[in-house]
Amino acid sequence: MQRRQGRVNAGLLLLLYQISQVGLQNIPSVTLGVLALNIFLFLNPVRPLHEVCISVHEGFYKKNWERLLLSPVHHADDWHLYYNMVSMLWKGIMLEKKIKSRWFAYIIAVFSVLIGVVYMVLEFMLVRILDDPSYEMNCAVGFSGVLFALKVLNNHYNPGRVSNVLGYRICSKYACWVELVAIHLISPG
């Protein structure tokens, strides 16, 4: 898990363009803060990705719990950052206005940690069910799990909506699951 260096970050440039199109004044404070933190840590990572990613081996067995805080705000490359932060931009605008900034900040903080815990539990279960210890070593970074949880929450607060997933109109309460499968097929791992 190594970030490619020495190239133009087209995903980052496109993300900055998307943010400028929305306008900073139209982005609620917590959403803007999350975007800024993720962009800052992409440009200035705390540590290399292999030292911040979360896995059963590193998080549970080695008790390296700080990875629960670091893994969600680090991204594998500029396109990973772009897709996650554009999703955060739209979900944040919708949800933060609906539930207010303090509650939204609390939810982001809790989801950020819980997603890492859930990831480790699922990987641990795969080790036991499939009798394959390699799942203990799978290491993840990124904000995708938090975004998935926000999408479910958004569907709760905005029921009956229809989403467009890869050109198909799908009831929003099912769209998050279809998106999850589509993302896995488009960009496995």
Protein backbone atom coordinates (compact mmCIF):
# COMPACT_ATOMS: atom_id res chain seq x y z
CA MET A 1 0.00 0.00 0.00
CA GLN A 2 2.19 2.82 -1.29
CA ARG A 3 1.01 6.19 -2.60
CA ARG A 4 2.41 7.07 -6.03
CA GLN A 5 4.66 10.13 -5.83
CA GLY A 6 5.88 12.64 -8.38
CA ARG A 7 2.79 12.96 -10.58
CA VAL A 8 -0.03 15.40 -11.07
CA ASN A 9 -2.88 14.62 -8.70
CA ALA A 10 -5.76 14.85 -11.18
CA GLY A 11 -8.21 13.52 -8.59
CA LEU A 12 -7.18 16.22 -6.11
CA LEU A 13 -7.49 18.95 -8.75
CA LEU A 14 -10.93 17.69 -9.72
CA LEU A 15 -11.97 17.61 -6.06
CA LEU A 16 -10.85 21.22 -5.57
CA TYR A 17 -12.80 22.15 -8.70
CA GLN A 18 -15.95 20.43 -7.34
CA ILE A 19 -15.58 22.28 -4.03
CA SER A 20 -15.17 25.59 -5.87
CA GLN A 21 -18.30 24.87 -7.92
CA VAL A 22 -20.33 24.37 -4.75
CA GLY A 23 -18.70 27.38 -3.12
CA LEU A 24 -17.05 27.41 0.31
CA GLN A 25 -19.87 29.57 1.67
CA ASN A 26 -22.38 26.81 0.79
CA ILE A 27 -20.55 24.02 2.61
CA PRO A 28 -21.50 23.58 6.29
CA SER A 29 -18.65 23.95 8.78
CA VAL A 30 -18.16 20.33 9.88
CA THR A 31 -18.35 19.06 6.31
CA LEU A 32 -15.79 21.66 5.25
CA GLY A 33 -13.58 20.68 8.18
CA VAL A 34 -13.72 16.99 7.24
CA LEU A 35 -12.86 17.84 3.63
CA ALA A 36 -9.96 20.06 4.74
CA LEU A 37 -8.60 17.45 7.17
CA ASN A 38 -8.67 14.68 4.57
CA ILE A 39 -7.06 16.86 1.89
CA PHE A 40 -4.40 18.08 4.35
CA LEU A 41 -3.55 14.53 5.46
CA PHE A 42 -3.45 13.37 1.84
CA LEU A 43 -0.87 16.05 1.08
CA ASN A 44 0.93 15.66 4.45
CA PRO A 45 0.33 12.11 5.72
CA VAL A 46 1.04 11.47 9.40
CA ARG A 47 2.88 8.27 8.43
CA PRO A 48 3.15 6.02 5.37
CA LEU A 49 -0.06 4.15 4.52
CA HIS A 50 1.27 0.80 5.74
CA GLU A 51 1.71 2.41 9.19
CA VAL A 52 -1.81 3.90 9.43
CA CYS A 53 -4.00 1.24 7.83
CA ILE A 54 -6.23 -0.85 10.10
CA SER A 55 -6.08 -4.64 10.24
CA VAL A 56 -6.75 -7.37 12.78
CA HIS A 57 -3.02 -8.00 13.05
CA GLU A 58 -2.04 -4.36 13.64
CA GLY A 59 -5.11 -3.10 15.47
CA PHE A 60 -6.08 -6.03 17.65
CA TYR A 61 -3.04 -8.28 18.12
CA LYS A 62 -0.44 -5.49 18.23
CA LYS A 63 -2.89 -3.20 20.06
CA ASN A 64 -2.01 -0.32 17.76
CA TRP A 65 -5.32 1.45 18.48
CA GLU A 66 -4.26 4.81 17.03
CA ARG A 67 -4.84 3.24 13.62
CA LEU A 68 -8.57 3.42 14.37
CA LEU A 69 -8.20 7.21 14.29
CA LEU A 70 -5.70 7.46 11.44
CA SER A 71 -6.99 4.96 8.87
CA PRO A 72 -10.26 6.76 7.97
CA VAL A 73 -8.51 10.04 7.15
CA HIS A 74 -5.77 8.63 4.91
CA HIS A 75 -6.35 7.62 1.30
CA ALA A 76 -4.49 5.28 -1.05
CA ASP A 77 -4.32 7.75 -3.95
CA ASP A 78 -5.83 10.94 -5.32
CA TRP A 79 -8.79 9.17 -6.95
CA HIS A 80 -9.61 7.38 -3.69
CA LEU A 81 -9.57 10.80 -2.01
CA TYR A 82 -11.65 12.35 -4.82
CA TYR A 83 -14.47 9.78 -4.76
CA ASN A 84 -14.67 9.74 -0.98
CA MET A 85 -14.60 13.51 -0.54
CA VAL A 86 -17.09 14.27 -3.32
CA SER A 87 -19.41 11.79 -1.64
CA MET A 88 -18.71 13.47 1.72
CA LEU A 89 -19.43 16.87 0.20
CA TRP A 90 -22.92 15.91 -0.95
CA LYS A 91 -23.83 13.79 2.06
CA GLY A 92 -22.46 16.43 4.42
CA ILE A 93 -24.42 19.25 2.81
CA MET A 94 -27.64 17.26 3.07
CA LEU A 95 -27.17 15.76 6.54
CA GLU A 96 -25.39 18.56 8.40
CA LYS A 97 -28.13 21.05 7.52
CA LYS A 98 -30.76 18.53 8.62
CA ILE A 99 -29.27 17.41 11.96
CA LYS A 100 -27.10 20.47 12.80
CA SER A 101 -23.32 20.75 13.04
CA ARG A 102 -22.68 19.52 16.59
CA TRP A 103 -24.63 16.31 16.15
CA PHE A 104 -23.10 15.79 12.70
CA ALA A 105 -19.55 16.22 14.11
CA TYR A 106 -20.34 13.69 16.85
CA ILE A 107 -21.69 11.20 14.30
CA ILE A 108 -18.62 11.60 12.07
CA ALA A 109 -16.28 11.02 15.05
CA VAL A 110 -18.18 7.95 16.27
CA PHE A 111 -18.57 6.45 12.79
CA SER A 112 -14.87 7.03 12.04
CA VAL A 113 -13.82 4.85 14.97
CA LEU A 114 -16.63 2.30 14.79
CA ILE A 115 -16.04 1.54 11.11
CA GLY A 116 -12.49 0.40 11.94
CA VAL A 117 -13.81 -1.79 14.75
CA VAL A 118 -16.47 -3.30 12.46
CA TYR A 119 -13.84 -3.87 9.77
CA MET A 120 -11.62 -5.78 12.22
CA VAL A 121 -14.57 -7.85 13.48
CA LEU A 122 -15.57 -8.77 9.91
CA GLU A 123 -12.00 -9.69 8.97
CA PHE A 124 -11.67 -11.74 12.17
CA MET A 125 -14.91 -13.56 11.30
CA LEU A 126 -13.56 -14.32 7.81
CA VAL A 127 -10.44 -15.82 9.39
CA ARG A 128 -12.60 -18.13 11.53
CA ILE A 129 -15.25 -19.00 8.94
CA LEU A 130 -12.89 -19.57 6.00
CA ASP A 131 -10.00 -20.83 8.13
CA ASP A 132 -7.72 -18.40 6.28
CA PRO A 133 -5.35 -16.38 8.49
CA SER A 134 -4.46 -14.06 5.60
CA TYR A 135 -7.56 -11.99 6.42
CA GLU A 136 -5.86 -10.87 9.64
CA MET A 137 -3.31 -9.03 7.49
CA ASN A 138 -5.77 -7.20 5.18
CA CYS A 139 -5.18 -3.53 5.83
CA ALA A 140 -7.62 -0.72 4.98
CA VAL A 141 -7.55 3.07 4.77
CA GLY A 142 -10.11 5.62 3.68
CA PHE A 143 -13.41 7.21 4.54
CA SER A 144 -15.63 4.83 2.55
CA GLY A 145 -17.08 3.03 5.57
CA VAL A 146 -18.07 6.32 7.19
CA LEU A 147 -19.68 7.43 3.93
CA PHE A 148 -21.63 4.20 3.69
CA ALA A 149 -22.94 4.74 7.24
CA LEU A 150 -23.82 8.36 6.36
CA LYS A 151 -25.71 7.15 3.30
CA VAL A 152 -27.80 4.82 5.45
CA LEU A 153 -28.44 7.68 7.89
CA ASN A 154 -29.32 10.00 5.01
CA ASN A 155 -31.83 7.44 3.74
CA HIS A 156 -33.39 7.39 7.20
CA TYR A 157 -33.78 11.18 7.28
CA ASN A 158 -34.87 11.43 3.64
CA PRO A 159 -37.09 8.37 2.95
CA GLY A 160 -38.71 7.64 -0.38
CA ARG A 161 -35.99 9.19 -2.54
CA VAL A 162 -34.71 7.61 -5.74
CA SER A 163 -31.00 7.41 -6.58
CA ASN A 164 -29.25 6.97 -9.88
CA VAL A 165 -26.62 4.22 -9.67
CA LEU A 166 -24.68 3.59 -12.89
CA GLY A 167 -27.62 4.88 -14.90
CA TYR A 168 -30.29 2.84 -13.11
CA ARG A 169 -32.95 4.44 -10.94
CA ILE A 170 -33.10 2.62 -7.61
CA CYS A 171 -34.99 3.30 -4.39
CA SER A 172 -32.46 5.05 -2.09
CA LYS A 173 -32.89 2.57 0.73
CA TYR A 174 -31.43 -0.11 -1.59
CA ALA A 175 -29.07 2.16 -3.52
CA CYS A 176 -26.38 2.12 -0.83
CA TRP A 177 -26.15 -1.67 -1.14
CA VAL A 178 -26.09 -1.53 -4.94
CA GLU A 179 -23.41 1.18 -4.78
CA LEU A 180 -21.33 -0.99 -2.45
CA VAL A 181 -21.41 -3.90 -4.91
CA ALA A 182 -20.80 -1.57 -7.89
CA ILE A 183 -17.78 0.04 -6.18
CA HIS A 184 -16.37 -3.38 -5.40
CA LEU A 185 -16.79 -4.48 -9.03
CA ILE A 186 -15.36 -1.23 -10.46
CA SER A 187 -12.52 -0.90 -7.98
CA PRO A 188 -11.87 -4.14 -6.09
CA GLY A 189 -9.73 -3.80 -2.98
